[in-house]
PDB file of N, CA and C in Angstrom:
ATOM      1  N   MET A   1       0.852  -1.172   0.000  1.00  0.00           N
ATOM      2  CA  MET A   1       0.000   0.000   0.000  1.00  0.00           C
ATOM      3  C   MET A   1       0.892   1.228   0.000  1.00  0.00           C
ATOM      4  N   THR A   2       0.611   2.117  -0.916  1.00  0.00           N
ATOM      5  CA  THR A   2       1.427   3.303  -1.020  1.00  0.00           C
ATOM      6  C   THR A   2       0.931   4.377  -0.066  1.00  0.00           C
ATOM      7  N   ILE A   3       1.756   5.390   0.109  1.00  0.00           N
ATOM      8  CA  ILE A   3       1.394   6.474   1.014  1.00  0.00           C
ATOM      9  C   ILE A   3       0.206   7.263   0.467  1.00  0.00           C
ATOM     10  N   PHE A   4       0.052   7.306  -0.871  1.00  0.00           N
ATOM     11  CA  PHE A   4      -1.053   8.050  -1.452  1.00  0.00           C
ATOM     12  C   PHE A   4      -2.384   7.368  -1.180  1.00  0.00           C
ATOM     13  N   SER A   5      -2.429   6.037  -1.269  1.00  0.00           N
ATOM     14  CA  SER A   5      -3.691   5.355  -1.000  1.00  0.00           C
ATOM     15  C   SER A   5      -4.044   5.446   0.480  1.00  0.00           C
ATOM     16  N   THR A   6      -3.046   5.424   1.365  1.00  0.00           N
ATOM     17  CA  THR A   6      -3.305   5.583   2.789  1.00  0.00           C
ATOM     18  C   THR A   6      -3.817   6.981   3.084  1.00  0.00           C
ATOM     19  N   ALA A   7      -3.213   7.967   2.465  1.00  0.00           N
ATOM     20  CA  ALA A   7      -3.657   9.348   2.671  1.00  0.00           C
ATOM     21  C   ALA A   7      -5.058   9.551   2.109  1.00  0.00           C
ATOM     22  N   ARG A   8      -5.351   8.928   0.979  1.00  0.00           N
ATOM     23  CA  ARG A   8      -6.677   9.057   0.389  1.00  0.00           C
ATOM     24  C   ARG A   8      -7.739   8.451   1.291  1.00  0.00           C
ATOM     25  N   LYS A   9      -7.474   7.264   1.839  1.00  0.00           N
ATOM     26  CA  LYS A   9      -8.432   6.625   2.734  1.00  0.00           C
ATOM     27  C   LYS A   9      -8.630   7.435   4.006  1.00  0.00           C
ATOM     28  N   THR A  10      -7.555   8.004   4.524  1.00  0.00           N
ATOM     29  CA  THR A  10      -7.659   8.835   5.718  1.00  0.00           C
ATOM     30  C   THR A  10      -8.479  10.085   5.430  1.00  0.00           C
ATOM     31  N   ALA A  11      -8.265  10.688   4.277  1.00  0.00           N
ATOM     32  CA  ALA A  11      -9.022  11.889   3.909  1.00  0.00           C
ATOM     33  C   ALA A  11     -10.503  11.573   3.736  1.00  0.00           C
ATOM     34  N   ILE A  12     -10.822  10.449   3.126  1.00  0.00           N
ATOM     35  CA  ILE A  12     -12.212  10.063   2.933  1.00  0.00           C
ATOM     36  C   ILE A  12     -12.885   9.803   4.274  1.00  0.00           C
ATOM     37  N   ALA A  13     -12.199   9.101   5.169  1.00  0.00           N
ATOM     38  CA  ALA A  13     -12.768   8.833   6.486  1.00  0.00           C
ATOM     39  C   ALA A  13     -12.970  10.124   7.270  1.00  0.00           C
ATOM     40  N   THR A  14     -12.050  11.064   7.160  1.00  0.00           N
ATOM     41  CA  THR A  14     -12.176  12.346   7.851  1.00  0.00           C
ATOM     42  C   THR A  14     -13.362  13.137   7.320  1.00  0.00           C
ATOM     43  N   ILE A  15     -13.507  13.174   6.010  1.00  0.00           N
ATOM     44  CA  ILE A  15     -14.630  13.897   5.411  1.00  0.00           C
ATOM     45  C   ILE A  15     -15.956  13.265   5.819  1.00  0.00           C
ATOM     46  N   ALA A  16     -16.020  11.935   5.841  1.00  0.00           N
ATOM     47  CA  ALA A  16     -17.252  11.255   6.235  1.00  0.00           C
ATOM     48  C   ALA A  16     -17.589  11.542   7.699  1.00  0.00           C
ATOM     49  N   ALA A  17     -16.574  11.536   8.565  1.00  0.00           N
ATOM     50  CA  ALA A  17     -16.819  11.824   9.981  1.00  0.00           C
ATOM     51  C   ALA A  17     -17.299  13.257  10.166  1.00  0.00           C
ATOM     52  N   LEU A  18     -16.709  14.191   9.446  1.00  0.00           N
ATOM     53  CA  LEU A  18     -17.153  15.582   9.543  1.00  0.00           C
ATOM     54  C   LEU A  18     -18.581  15.747   9.018  1.00  0.00           C
ATOM     55  N   ALA A  19     -18.932  15.004   7.987  1.00  0.00           N
ATOM     56  CA  ALA A  19     -20.290  15.081   7.453  1.00  0.00           C
ATOM     57  C   ALA A  19     -21.311  14.568   8.471  1.00  0.00           C
ATOM     58  N   VAL A  20     -20.962  13.486   9.163  1.00  0.00           N
ATOM     59  CA  VAL A  20     -21.868  12.940  10.176  1.00  0.00           C
ATOM     60  C   VAL A  20     -22.019  13.920  11.335  1.00  0.00           C
ATOM     61  N   ILE A  21     -20.916  14.496  11.784  1.00  0.00           N
ATOM     62  CA  ILE A  21     -20.975  15.446  12.898  1.00  0.00           C
ATOM     63  C   ILE A  21     -21.775  16.683  12.503  1.00  0.00           C
ATOM     64  N   THR A  22     -21.550  17.193  11.310  1.00  0.00           N
ATOM     65  CA  THR A  22     -22.268  18.372  10.845  1.00  0.00           C
ATOM     66  C   THR A  22     -23.762  18.089  10.707  1.00  0.00           C
ATOM     67  N   ALA A  23     -24.114  16.944  10.159  1.00  0.00           N
ATOM     68  CA  ALA A  23     -25.525  16.591  10.002  1.00  0.00           C
ATOM     69  C   ALA A  23     -26.199  16.436  11.358  1.00  0.00           C
ATOM     70  N   GLY A  24     -25.509  15.862  12.314  1.00  0.00           N
ATOM     71  CA  GLY A  24     -26.083  15.703  13.651  1.00  0.00           C
ATOM     72  C   GLY A  24     -26.244  17.021  14.377  1.00  0.00           C
ATOM     73  N   ALA A  25     -25.361  17.959  14.114  1.00  0.00           N
ATOM     74  CA  ALA A  25     -25.429  19.246  14.804  1.00  0.00           C
ATOM     75  C   ALA A  25     -26.491  20.155  14.203  1.00  0.00           C
ATOM     76  N   THR A  26     -26.734  20.035  12.911  1.00  0.00           N
ATOM     77  CA  THR A  26     -27.679  20.948  12.276  1.00  0.00           C
ATOM     78  C   THR A  26     -29.119  20.481  12.371  1.00  0.00           C
ATOM     79  N   VAL A  27     -29.346  19.197  12.492  1.00  0.00           N
ATOM     80  CA  VAL A  27     -30.707  18.677  12.561  1.00  0.00           C
ATOM     81  C   VAL A  27     -31.058  18.441  14.020  1.00  0.00           C
ATOM     82  N   ALA A  28     -31.938  19.276  14.553  1.00  0.00           N
ATOM     83  CA  ALA A  28     -32.415  19.121  15.925  1.00  0.00           C
ATOM     84  C   ALA A  28     -33.875  18.713  15.868  1.00  0.00           C
ATOM     85  N   PRO A  29     -34.212  17.497  16.277  1.00  0.00           N
ATOM     86  CA  PRO A  29     -35.598  17.039  16.166  1.00  0.00           C
ATOM     87  C   PRO A  29     -36.507  17.771  17.164  1.00  0.00           C
ATOM     88  N   THR A  30     -37.733  17.975  16.727  1.00  0.00           N
ATOM     89  CA  THR A  30     -38.723  18.539  17.634  1.00  0.00           C
ATOM     90  C   THR A  30     -39.222  17.442  18.547  1.00  0.00           C
ATOM     91  N   GLN A  31     -40.059  17.799  19.504  1.00  0.00           N
ATOM     92  CA  GLN A  31     -40.545  16.805  20.452  1.00  0.00           C
ATOM     93  C   GLN A  31     -41.420  15.773  19.750  1.00  0.00           C
ATOM     94  N   ALA A  32     -42.125  16.170  18.705  1.00  0.00           N
ATOM     95  CA  ALA A  32     -42.974  15.227  17.979  1.00  0.00           C
ATOM     96  C   ALA A  32     -42.139  14.206  17.221  1.00  0.00           C
ATOM     97  N   GLN A  33     -40.911  14.569  16.859  1.00  0.00           N
ATOM     98  CA  GLN A  33     -40.062  13.657  16.101  1.00  0.00           C
ATOM     99  C   GLN A  33     -39.084  12.913  16.998  1.00  0.00           C
ATOM    100  N   ALA A  34     -39.123  13.131  18.288  1.00  0.00           N
ATOM    101  CA  ALA A  34     -38.132  12.550  19.185  1.00  0.00           C
ATOM    102  C   ALA A  34     -38.173  11.031  19.203  1.00  0.00           C
ATOM    103  N   GLY A  35     -39.307  10.423  18.925  1.00  0.00           N
ATOM    104  CA  GLY A  35     -39.409   8.967  18.937  1.00  0.00           C
ATOM    105  C   GLY A  35     -38.705   8.323  17.757  1.00  0.00           C
ATOM    106  N   ASN A  36     -38.407   9.057  16.716  1.00  0.00           N
ATOM    107  CA  ASN A  36     -37.789   8.507  15.519  1.00  0.00           C
ATOM    108  C   ASN A  36     -36.271   8.640  15.519  1.00  0.00           C
ATOM    109  N   LYS A  37     -35.678   8.991  16.626  1.00  0.00           N
ATOM    110  CA  LYS A  37     -34.223   9.184  16.678  1.00  0.00           C
ATOM    111  C   LYS A  37     -33.471   7.898  16.359  1.00  0.00           C
ATOM    112  N   LEU A  38     -33.916   6.812  16.952  1.00  0.00           N
ATOM    113  CA  LEU A  38     -33.205   5.544  16.774  1.00  0.00           C
ATOM    114  C   LEU A  38     -33.264   5.087  15.316  1.00  0.00           C
ATOM    115  N   ALA A  39     -34.420   5.159  14.713  1.00  0.00           N
ATOM    116  CA  ALA A  39     -34.552   4.731  13.316  1.00  0.00           C
ATOM    117  C   ALA A  39     -33.712   5.620  12.408  1.00  0.00           C
ATOM    118  N   GLY A  40     -33.736   6.910  12.658  1.00  0.00           N
ATOM    119  CA  GLY A  40     -32.936   7.826  11.848  1.00  0.00           C
ATOM    120  C   GLY A  40     -31.447   7.582  12.008  1.00  0.00           C
ATOM    121  N   ALA A  41     -31.041   7.295  13.245  1.00  0.00           N
ATOM    122  CA  ALA A  41     -29.625   7.016  13.495  1.00  0.00           C
ATOM    123  C   ALA A  41     -29.185   5.745  12.788  1.00  0.00           C
ATOM    124  N   LEU A  42     -30.028   4.719  12.816  1.00  0.00           N
ATOM    125  CA  LEU A  42     -29.680   3.463  12.146  1.00  0.00           C
ATOM    126  C   LEU A  42     -29.611   3.629  10.634  1.00  0.00           C
ATOM    127  N   ILE A  43     -30.574   4.342  10.076  1.00  0.00           N
ATOM    128  CA  ILE A  43     -30.565   4.557   8.624  1.00  0.00           C
ATOM    129  C   ILE A  43     -29.372   5.420   8.220  1.00  0.00           C
ATOM    130  N   GLY A  44     -29.126   6.479   8.961  1.00  0.00           N
ATOM    131  CA  GLY A  44     -27.983   7.346   8.661  1.00  0.00           C
ATOM    132  C   GLY A  44     -26.661   6.613   8.804  1.00  0.00           C
ATOM    133  N   GLY A  45     -26.535   5.786   9.845  1.00  0.00           N
ATOM    134  CA  GLY A  45     -25.309   5.005  10.036  1.00  0.00           C
ATOM    135  C   GLY A  45     -25.091   4.004   8.916  1.00  0.00           C
ATOM    136  N   ALA A  46     -26.189   3.395   8.450  1.00  0.00           N
ATOM    137  CA  ALA A  46     -26.069   2.446   7.345  1.00  0.00           C
ATOM    138  C   ALA A  46     -25.634   3.146   6.063  1.00  0.00           C
ATOM    139  N   ILE A  47     -26.180   4.333   5.820  1.00  0.00           N
ATOM    140  CA  ILE A  47     -25.808   5.073   4.609  1.00  0.00           C
ATOM    141  C   ILE A  47     -24.352   5.516   4.668  1.00  0.00           C
ATOM    142  N   ILE A  48     -23.954   6.108   5.779  1.00  0.00           N
ATOM    143  CA  ILE A  48     -22.567   6.565   5.917  1.00  0.00           C
ATOM    144  C   ILE A  48     -21.599   5.389   5.893  1.00  0.00           C
ATOM    145  N   GLY A  49     -21.940   4.308   6.576  1.00  0.00           N
ATOM    146  CA  GLY A  49     -21.076   3.125   6.559  1.00  0.00           C
ATOM    147  C   GLY A  49     -20.917   2.541   5.171  1.00  0.00           C
ATOM    148  N   GLY A  50     -22.009   2.535   4.408  1.00  0.00           N
ATOM    149  CA  GLY A  50     -21.942   2.047   3.032  1.00  0.00           C
ATOM    150  C   GLY A  50     -21.069   2.930   2.155  1.00  0.00           C
ATOM    151  N   LEU A  51     -21.180   4.240   2.347  1.00  0.00           N
ATOM    152  CA  LEU A  51     -20.339   5.152   1.563  1.00  0.00           C
ATOM    153  C   LEU A  51     -18.862   4.986   1.900  1.00  0.00           C
ATOM    154  N   ILE A  52     -18.555   4.822   3.178  1.00  0.00           N
ATOM    155  CA  ILE A  52     -17.156   4.620   3.570  1.00  0.00           C
ATOM    156  C   ILE A  52     -16.641   3.293   3.019  1.00  0.00           C
ATOM    157  N   GLY A  53     -17.470   2.259   3.066  1.00  0.00           N
ATOM    158  CA  GLY A  53     -17.063   0.958   2.536  1.00  0.00           C
ATOM    159  C   GLY A  53     -16.804   1.000   1.045  1.00  0.00           C
ATOM    160  N   ILE A  54     -17.662   1.701   0.313  1.00  0.00           N
ATOM    161  CA  ILE A  54     -17.479   1.813  -1.134  1.00  0.00           C
ATOM    162  C   ILE A  54     -16.240   2.640  -1.452  1.00  0.00           C
ATOM    163  N   ALA A  55     -16.023   3.709  -0.692  1.00  0.00           N
ATOM    164  CA  ALA A  55     -14.889   4.587  -0.967  1.00  0.00           C
ATOM    165  C   ALA A  55     -13.556   3.920  -0.668  1.00  0.00           C
ATOM    166  N   SER A  56     -13.541   2.978   0.284  1.00  0.00           N
ATOM    167  CA  SER A  56     -12.263   2.381   0.667  1.00  0.00           C
ATOM    168  C   SER A  56     -11.928   1.123  -0.125  1.00  0.00           C
ATOM    169  N   GLN A  57     -12.783   0.714  -1.065  1.00  0.00           N
ATOM    170  CA  GLN A  57     -12.500  -0.470  -1.869  1.00  0.00           C
ATOM    171  C   GLN A  57     -11.398  -0.192  -2.872  1.00  0.00           C
ATOM    172  N   ASN A  58     -10.627  -1.210  -3.133  1.00  0.00           N
ATOM    173  CA  ASN A  58      -9.593  -1.120  -4.147  1.00  0.00           C
ATOM    174  C   ASN A  58     -10.246  -1.389  -5.498  1.00  0.00           C
ATOM    175  N   ARG A  59     -10.277  -0.402  -6.367  1.00  0.00           N
ATOM    176  CA  ARG A  59     -10.967  -0.536  -7.642  1.00  0.00           C
ATOM    177  C   ARG A  59     -10.044  -1.031  -8.758  1.00  0.00           C
ATOM    178  N   TYR A  60      -8.825  -1.293  -8.458  1.00  0.00           N
ATOM    179  CA  TYR A  60      -7.870  -1.655  -9.490  1.00  0.00           C
ATOM    180  C   TYR A  60      -7.683  -3.163  -9.512  1.00  0.00           C
ATOM    181  N   ALA A  61      -8.058  -3.774 -10.611  1.00  0.00           N
ATOM    182  CA  ALA A  61      -7.875  -5.209 -10.780  1.00  0.00           C
ATOM    183  C   ALA A  61      -6.429  -5.470 -11.170  1.00  0.00           C
ATOM    184  N   PRO A  62      -5.871  -6.585 -10.725  1.00  0.00           N
ATOM    185  CA  PRO A  62      -4.488  -6.866 -11.108  1.00  0.00           C
ATOM    186  C   PRO A  62      -4.387  -7.141 -12.609  1.00  0.00           C
ATOM    187  N   THR A  63      -3.386  -6.598 -13.206  1.00  0.00           N
ATOM    188  CA  THR A  63      -3.155  -6.833 -14.629  1.00  0.00           C
ATOM    189  C   THR A  63      -1.941  -7.736 -14.771  1.00  0.00           C
ATOM    190  N   TYR A  64      -2.083  -8.728 -15.583  1.00  0.00           N
ATOM    191  CA  TYR A  64      -1.006  -9.674 -15.793  1.00  0.00           C
ATOM    192  C   TYR A  64      -0.330  -9.355 -17.116  1.00  0.00           C
ATOM    193  N   ARG A  65       0.953  -9.085 -17.029  1.00  0.00           N
ATOM    194  CA  ARG A  65       1.699  -8.747 -18.227  1.00  0.00           C
ATOM    195  C   ARG A  65       2.274 -10.007 -18.836  1.00  0.00           C
ATOM    196  N   THR A  66       2.260 -10.069 -20.134  1.00  0.00           N
ATOM    197  CA  THR A  66       2.880 -11.191 -20.820  1.00  0.00           C
ATOM    198  C   THR A  66       4.273 -10.762 -21.267  1.00  0.00           C
ATOM    199  N   CYS A  67       5.218 -11.616 -21.035  1.00  0.00           N
ATOM    200  CA  CYS A  67       6.602 -11.342 -21.409  1.00  0.00           C
ATOM    201  C   CYS A  67       7.004 -12.299 -22.533  1.00  0.00           C
ATOM    202  N   HIS A  68       7.871 -11.834 -23.383  1.00  0.00           N
ATOM    203  CA  HIS A  68       8.400 -12.695 -24.430  1.00  0.00           C
ATOM    204  C   HIS A  68       9.885 -12.382 -24.621  1.00  0.00           C
ATOM    205  N   THR A  69      10.584 -13.359 -25.128  1.00  0.00           N
ATOM    206  CA  THR A  69      12.014 -13.175 -25.388  1.00  0.00           C
ATOM    207  C   THR A  69      12.252 -13.260 -26.891  1.00  0.00           C
ATOM    208  N   GLN A  70      13.252 -12.531 -27.317  1.00  0.00           N
ATOM    209  CA  GLN A  70      13.637 -12.592 -28.729  1.00  0.00           C
ATOM    210  C   GLN A  70      15.134 -12.325 -28.845  1.00  0.00           C
ATOM    211  N   TRP A  71      15.685 -12.812 -29.922  1.00  0.00           N
ATOM    212  CA  TRP A  71      17.102 -12.630 -30.180  1.00  0.00           C
ATOM    213  C   TRP A  71      17.325 -11.307 -30.892  1.00  0.00           C
ATOM    214  N   GLU A  72      18.346 -10.583 -30.445  1.00  0.00           N
ATOM    215  CA  GLU A  72      18.702  -9.330 -31.090  1.00  0.00           C
ATOM    216  C   GLU A  72      20.177  -9.368 -31.461  1.00  0.00           C
ATOM    217  N   THR A  73      20.469  -8.698 -32.532  1.00  0.00           N
ATOM    218  CA  THR A  73      21.866  -8.573 -32.945  1.00  0.00           C
ATOM    219  C   THR A  73      22.403  -7.251 -32.430  1.00  0.00           C
ATOM    220  N   ARG A  74      23.504  -7.341 -31.732  1.00  0.00           N
ATOM    221  CA  ARG A  74      24.155  -6.136 -31.224  1.00  0.00           C
ATOM    222  C   ARG A  74      25.600  -6.139 -31.700  1.00  0.00           C
ATOM    223  N   TYR A  75      26.248  -5.001 -31.520  1.00  0.00           N
ATOM    224  CA  TYR A  75      27.621  -4.871 -32.006  1.00  0.00           C
ATOM    225  C   TYR A  75      28.510  -4.431 -30.857  1.00  0.00           C
ATOM    226  N   ASN A  76      29.683  -5.051 -30.775  1.00  0.00           N
ATOM    227  CA  ASN A  76      30.633  -4.668 -29.733  1.00  0.00           C
ATOM    228  C   ASN A  76      31.412  -3.430 -30.170  1.00  0.00           C
ATOM    229  N   SER A  77      32.367  -3.023 -29.357  1.00  0.00           N
ATOM    230  CA  SER A  77      33.102  -1.785 -29.635  1.00  0.00           C
ATOM    231  C   SER A  77      33.986  -1.898 -30.885  1.00  0.00           C
ATOM    232  N   TYR A  78      34.243  -3.125 -31.356  1.00  0.00           N
ATOM    233  CA  TYR A  78      35.042  -3.323 -32.564  1.00  0.00           C
ATOM    234  C   TYR A  78      34.165  -3.464 -33.807  1.00  0.00           C
ATOM    235  N   GLY A  79      32.845  -3.359 -33.639  1.00  0.00           N
ATOM    236  CA  GLY A  79      31.938  -3.465 -34.771  1.00  0.00           C
ATOM    237  C   GLY A  79      31.564  -4.877 -35.143  1.00  0.00           C
ATOM    238  N   GLN A  80      31.930  -5.859 -34.314  1.00  0.00           N
ATOM    239  CA  GLN A  80      31.602  -7.243 -34.607  1.00  0.00           C
ATOM    240  C   GLN A  80      30.211  -7.568 -34.046  1.00  0.00           C
ATOM    241  N   PRO A  81      29.372  -8.209 -34.849  1.00  0.00           N
ATOM    242  CA  PRO A  81      28.017  -8.524 -34.378  1.00  0.00           C
ATOM    243  C   PRO A  81      28.030  -9.730 -33.431  1.00  0.00           C
ATOM    244  N   TYR A  82      27.124  -9.688 -32.482  1.00  0.00           N
ATOM    245  CA  TYR A  82      26.877 -10.841 -31.616  1.00  0.00           C
ATOM    246  C   TYR A  82      25.385 -10.849 -31.284  1.00  0.00           C
ATOM    247  N   SER A  83      24.877 -12.032 -30.961  1.00  0.00           N
ATOM    248  CA  SER A  83      23.449 -12.196 -30.676  1.00  0.00           C
ATOM    249  C   SER A  83      23.237 -12.300 -29.167  1.00  0.00           C
ATOM    250  N   VAL A  84      22.158 -11.697 -28.733  1.00  0.00           N
ATOM    251  CA  VAL A  84      21.823 -11.746 -27.322  1.00  0.00           C
ATOM    252  C   VAL A  84      20.303 -11.940 -27.234  1.00  0.00           C
ATOM    253  N   GLN A  85      19.879 -12.710 -26.231  1.00  0.00           N
ATOM    254  CA  GLN A  85      18.452 -12.928 -26.038  1.00  0.00           C
ATOM    255  C   GLN A  85      17.932 -11.891 -25.035  1.00  0.00           C
ATOM    256  N   VAL A  86      16.899 -11.132 -25.429  1.00  0.00           N
ATOM    257  CA  VAL A  86      16.363 -10.039 -24.635  1.00  0.00           C
ATOM    258  C   VAL A  86      14.922 -10.361 -24.266  1.00  0.00           C
ATOM    259  N   GLN A  87      14.575 -10.083 -23.027  1.00  0.00           N
ATOM    260  CA  GLN A  87      13.206 -10.312 -22.559  1.00  0.00           C
ATOM    261  C   GLN A  87      12.447  -8.984 -22.518  1.00  0.00           C
ATOM    262  N   TYR A  88      11.282  -8.957 -23.149  1.00  0.00           N
ATOM    263  CA  TYR A  88      10.419  -7.779 -23.157  1.00  0.00           C
ATOM    264  C   TYR A  88       9.149  -8.094 -22.394  1.00  0.00           C
ATOM    265  N   CYS A  89       8.740  -7.170 -21.571  1.00  0.00           N
ATOM    266  CA  CYS A  89       7.491  -7.329 -20.806  1.00  0.00           C
ATOM    267  C   CYS A  89       6.574  -6.165 -21.086  1.00  0.00           C
TER     268      CYS A  89
END
């Protein structure tokens, strides 16, 4: 894991936590809505948890490179040709 992917995951988690805190601070239920706190908390937690889970997934599938070898003609410092097998990936 590179430092960039770690920093990206940390930034996403920080933004999600700030969004939850901000949403909780701005929405103050009235007394008539006080009974729905638990349901709202569960639904909100499920939504935020799902977003964090989706954001932290590795979206890059492994790619398998095919390598092949071939003979190449090269020349030494005296101009004499020689063959060498080179691998390309």
